[in-house]
């Protein structure tokens, strides 16, 4: 039960993050930890938004289909994207982007915990 509720929340959060990046890429860039708001950079932010939107939609579909193990795998793999985001921001901005780094780290950790909850049926 808790895995189902948390999965729904995570799926909605990913869809929300993705939609937000498409609608307001400048705000998403700042949240992500990107200092530049140049047009070319915002194009990549929109790409990240599409990634999150697709992951969230796929998570929702797997949840509806009752594919718990596949959903656990998806969240574990999505955590890798979160880790990559953390490392990209760390390399580009270091501790100057502390809030964004914290957000990426917590998101990554949360996805891993959720994957474990789903996989081990907590």
C-alpha atoms as a PDB file:
ATOM      1  CA  UNK A   1       0.000   0.000   0.000  1.00  0.00           C
ATOM      2  CA  UNK A   2       2.699   2.518   0.978  1.00  0.00           C
ATOM      3  CA  UNK A   3       4.643   1.631  -2.174  1.00  0.00           C
ATOM      4  CA  UNK A   4       1.585   2.336  -4.301  1.00  0.00           C
ATOM      5  CA  UNK A   5       0.932   5.714  -2.699  1.00  0.00           C
ATOM      6  CA  UNK A   6       4.586   6.771  -2.877  1.00  0.00           C
ATOM      7  CA  UNK A   7       4.812   5.586  -6.486  1.00  0.00           C
ATOM      8  CA  UNK A   8       1.803   7.695  -7.425  1.00  0.00           C
ATOM      9  CA  UNK A   9       3.359  10.709  -5.716  1.00  0.00           C
ATOM     10  CA  UNK A  10       6.690  10.118  -7.492  1.00  0.00           C
ATOM     11  CA  UNK A  11       4.990   9.687 -10.877  1.00  0.00           C
ATOM     12  CA  UNK A  12       3.037  12.921 -10.403  1.00  0.00           C
ATOM     13  CA  UNK A  13       6.161  14.736  -9.222  1.00  0.00           C
ATOM     14  CA  UNK A  14       8.106  13.631 -12.300  1.00  0.00           C
ATOM     15  CA  UNK A  15       5.282  14.668 -14.617  1.00  0.00           C
ATOM     16  CA  UNK A  16       5.067  18.000 -12.792  1.00  0.00           C
ATOM     17  CA  UNK A  17       8.808  18.599 -13.036  1.00  0.00           C
ATOM     18  CA  UNK A  18       8.755  17.733 -16.713  1.00  0.00           C
ATOM     19  CA  UNK A  19       5.776  19.927 -17.508  1.00  0.00           C
ATOM     20  CA  UNK A  20       7.305  22.763 -15.509  1.00  0.00           C
ATOM     21  CA  UNK A  21      10.518  22.591 -17.512  1.00  0.00           C
ATOM     22  CA  UNK A  22       8.574  22.794 -20.755  1.00  0.00           C
ATOM     23  CA  UNK A  23       6.372  25.673 -19.624  1.00  0.00           C
ATOM     24  CA  UNK A  24       8.879  27.662 -17.544  1.00  0.00           C
ATOM     25  CA  UNK A  25      12.407  26.562 -18.491  1.00  0.00           C
ATOM     26  CA  UNK A  26      14.016  29.608 -16.858  1.00  0.00           C
ATOM     27  CA  UNK A  27      12.605  28.690 -13.444  1.00  0.00           C
ATOM     28  CA  UNK A  28      13.449  25.032 -13.953  1.00  0.00           C
ATOM     29  CA  UNK A  29      17.029  25.934 -14.899  1.00  0.00           C
ATOM     30  CA  UNK A  30      17.467  27.799 -11.632  1.00  0.00           C
ATOM     31  CA  UNK A  31      15.938  24.939  -9.638  1.00  0.00           C
ATOM     32  CA  UNK A  32      18.123  22.433 -11.484  1.00  0.00           C
ATOM     33  CA  UNK A  33      21.219  24.475 -10.609  1.00  0.00           C
ATOM     34  CA  UNK A  34      22.082  26.004 -13.977  1.00  0.00           C
ATOM     35  CA  UNK A  35      23.282  29.580 -13.771  1.00  0.00           C
ATOM     36  CA  UNK A  36      22.971  30.459 -17.461  1.00  0.00           C
ATOM     37  CA  UNK A  37      19.609  31.355 -18.934  1.00  0.00           C
ATOM     38  CA  UNK A  38      20.849  31.515 -22.521  1.00  0.00           C
ATOM     39  CA  UNK A  39      18.504  30.236 -25.206  1.00  0.00           C
ATOM     40  CA  UNK A  40      20.701  27.239 -26.052  1.00  0.00           C
ATOM     41  CA  UNK A  41      20.930  26.210 -22.408  1.00  0.00           C
ATOM     42  CA  UNK A  42      17.164  26.449 -21.978  1.00  0.00           C
ATOM     43  CA  UNK A  43      16.770  24.039 -24.888  1.00  0.00           C
ATOM     44  CA  UNK A  44      18.620  21.427 -22.827  1.00  0.00           C
ATOM     45  CA  UNK A  45      16.451  22.215 -19.815  1.00  0.00           C
ATOM     46  CA  UNK A  46      13.410  21.465 -21.950  1.00  0.00           C
ATOM     47  CA  UNK A  47      15.083  18.167 -22.901  1.00  0.00           C
ATOM     48  CA  UNK A  48      15.453  17.330 -19.212  1.00  0.00           C
ATOM     49  CA  UNK A  49      11.802  18.204 -18.840  1.00  0.00           C
ATOM     50  CA  UNK A  50      10.815  15.753 -21.548  1.00  0.00           C
ATOM     51  CA  UNK A  51      12.930  13.085 -19.824  1.00  0.00           C
ATOM     52  CA  UNK A  52      11.146  13.638 -16.510  1.00  0.00           C
ATOM     53  CA  UNK A  53       7.727  13.798 -18.167  1.00  0.00           C
ATOM     54  CA  UNK A  54       8.321  10.488 -19.949  1.00  0.00           C
ATOM     55  CA  UNK A  55       9.655   8.816 -16.783  1.00  0.00           C
ATOM     56  CA  UNK A  56       6.626  10.009 -14.831  1.00  0.00           C
ATOM     57  CA  UNK A  57       4.179   8.840 -17.496  1.00  0.00           C
ATOM     58  CA  UNK A  58       5.892   5.459 -17.715  1.00  0.00           C
ATOM     59  CA  UNK A  59       5.807   5.147 -13.926  1.00  0.00           C
ATOM     60  CA  UNK A  60       2.073   5.918 -13.946  1.00  0.00           C
ATOM     61  CA  UNK A  61       1.450   3.304 -16.642  1.00  0.00           C
ATOM     62  CA  UNK A  62       3.428   0.647 -14.759  1.00  0.00           C
ATOM     63  CA  UNK A  63       1.600   1.531 -11.554  1.00  0.00           C
ATOM     64  CA  UNK A  64      -1.804   1.231 -13.235  1.00  0.00           C
ATOM     65  CA  UNK A  65      -0.771  -2.086 -14.811  1.00  0.00           C
ATOM     66  CA  UNK A  66       0.340  -3.399 -11.410  1.00  0.00           C
ATOM     67  CA  UNK A  67       3.886  -4.089 -12.616  1.00  0.00           C
ATOM     68  CA  UNK A  68       5.541  -3.581  -9.242  1.00  0.00           C
ATOM     69  CA  UNK A  69       8.953  -5.078 -10.114  1.00  0.00           C
ATOM     70  CA  UNK A  70       9.169  -3.141 -13.379  1.00  0.00           C
ATOM     71  CA  UNK A  71       8.223   0.020 -11.485  1.00  0.00           C
ATOM     72  CA  UNK A  72      10.957  -0.684  -8.936  1.00  0.00           C
ATOM     73  CA  UNK A  73      13.464  -1.075 -11.776  1.00  0.00           C
ATOM     74  CA  UNK A  74      12.276   2.149 -13.388  1.00  0.00           C
ATOM     75  CA  UNK A  75      12.722   4.109 -10.159  1.00  0.00           C
ATOM     76  CA  UNK A  76      16.179   2.584  -9.600  1.00  0.00           C
ATOM     77  CA  UNK A  77      17.215   3.606 -13.107  1.00  0.00           C
ATOM     78  CA  UNK A  78      15.661   7.041 -12.674  1.00  0.00           C
ATOM     79  CA  UNK A  79      17.848   7.427  -9.584  1.00  0.00           C
ATOM     80  CA  UNK A  80      20.833   7.129 -11.923  1.00  0.00           C
ATOM     81  CA  UNK A  81      19.508  10.135 -13.830  1.00  0.00           C
ATOM     82  CA  UNK A  82      19.225  11.993 -10.531  1.00  0.00           C
ATOM     83  CA  UNK A  83      22.792  11.055  -9.661  1.00  0.00           C
ATOM     84  CA  UNK A  84      23.945  12.253 -13.074  1.00  0.00           C
ATOM     85  CA  UNK A  85      22.104  15.544 -12.524  1.00  0.00           C
ATOM     86  CA  UNK A  86      23.846  15.921  -9.162  1.00  0.00           C
ATOM     87  CA  UNK A  87      27.272  15.281 -10.683  1.00  0.00           C
ATOM     88  CA  UNK A  88      26.647  17.630 -13.615  1.00  0.00           C
ATOM     89  CA  UNK A  89      25.659  20.485 -11.300  1.00  0.00           C
ATOM     90  CA  UNK A  90      28.504  19.728  -8.871  1.00  0.00           C
ATOM     91  CA  UNK A  91      31.060  19.771 -11.702  1.00  0.00           C
ATOM     92  CA  UNK A  92      29.670  22.956 -13.225  1.00  0.00           C
ATOM     93  CA  UNK A  93      28.964  24.999 -10.108  1.00  0.00           C
ATOM     94  CA  UNK A  94      30.294  23.186  -7.059  1.00  0.00           C
ATOM     95  CA  UNK A  95      29.023  24.227  -3.667  1.00  0.00           C
ATOM     96  CA  UNK A  96      27.708  27.492  -5.127  1.00  0.00           C
ATOM     97  CA  UNK A  97      24.588  25.536  -6.028  1.00  0.00           C
ATOM     98  CA  UNK A  98      24.076  23.928  -2.619  1.00  0.00           C
ATOM     99  CA  UNK A  99      20.251  23.997  -2.675  1.00  0.00           C
ATOM    100  CA  UNK A 100      20.100  22.357  -6.097  1.00  0.00           C
ATOM    101  CA  UNK A 101      22.648  19.735  -5.081  1.00  0.00           C
ATOM    102  CA  UNK A 102      20.590  18.941  -1.993  1.00  0.00           C
ATOM    103  CA  UNK A 103      17.460  18.603  -4.135  1.00  0.00           C
ATOM    104  CA  UNK A 104      19.197  16.230  -6.574  1.00  0.00           C
ATOM    105  CA  UNK A 105      20.669  14.169  -3.723  1.00  0.00           C
ATOM    106  CA  UNK A 106      17.337  13.860  -1.909  1.00  0.00           C
ATOM    107  CA  UNK A 107      15.517  12.984  -5.115  1.00  0.00           C
ATOM    108  CA  UNK A 108      18.077  10.310  -5.939  1.00  0.00           C
ATOM    109  CA  UNK A 109      17.905   8.862  -2.439  1.00  0.00           C
ATOM    110  CA  UNK A 110      14.116   8.958  -2.458  1.00  0.00           C
ATOM    111  CA  UNK A 111      13.918   7.078  -5.751  1.00  0.00           C
ATOM    112  CA  UNK A 112      16.298   4.410  -4.445  1.00  0.00           C
ATOM    113  CA  UNK A 113      14.283   4.000  -1.257  1.00  0.00           C
ATOM    114  CA  UNK A 114      11.082   3.782  -3.271  1.00  0.00           C
ATOM    115  CA  UNK A 115      12.632   1.156  -5.561  1.00  0.00           C
ATOM    116  CA  UNK A 116      13.585  -0.887  -2.481  1.00  0.00           C
ATOM    117  CA  UNK A 117      10.104  -0.532  -0.976  1.00  0.00           C
ATOM    118  CA  UNK A 118       8.552  -1.787  -4.199  1.00  0.00           C
ATOM    119  CA  UNK A 119      11.052  -4.569  -4.761  1.00  0.00           C
ATOM    120  CA  UNK A 120      10.972  -5.971  -1.247  1.00  0.00           C
ATOM    121  CA  UNK A 121       7.233  -5.336  -0.700  1.00  0.00           C
ATOM    122  CA  UNK A 122       7.452  -3.144   2.365  1.00  0.00           C
END
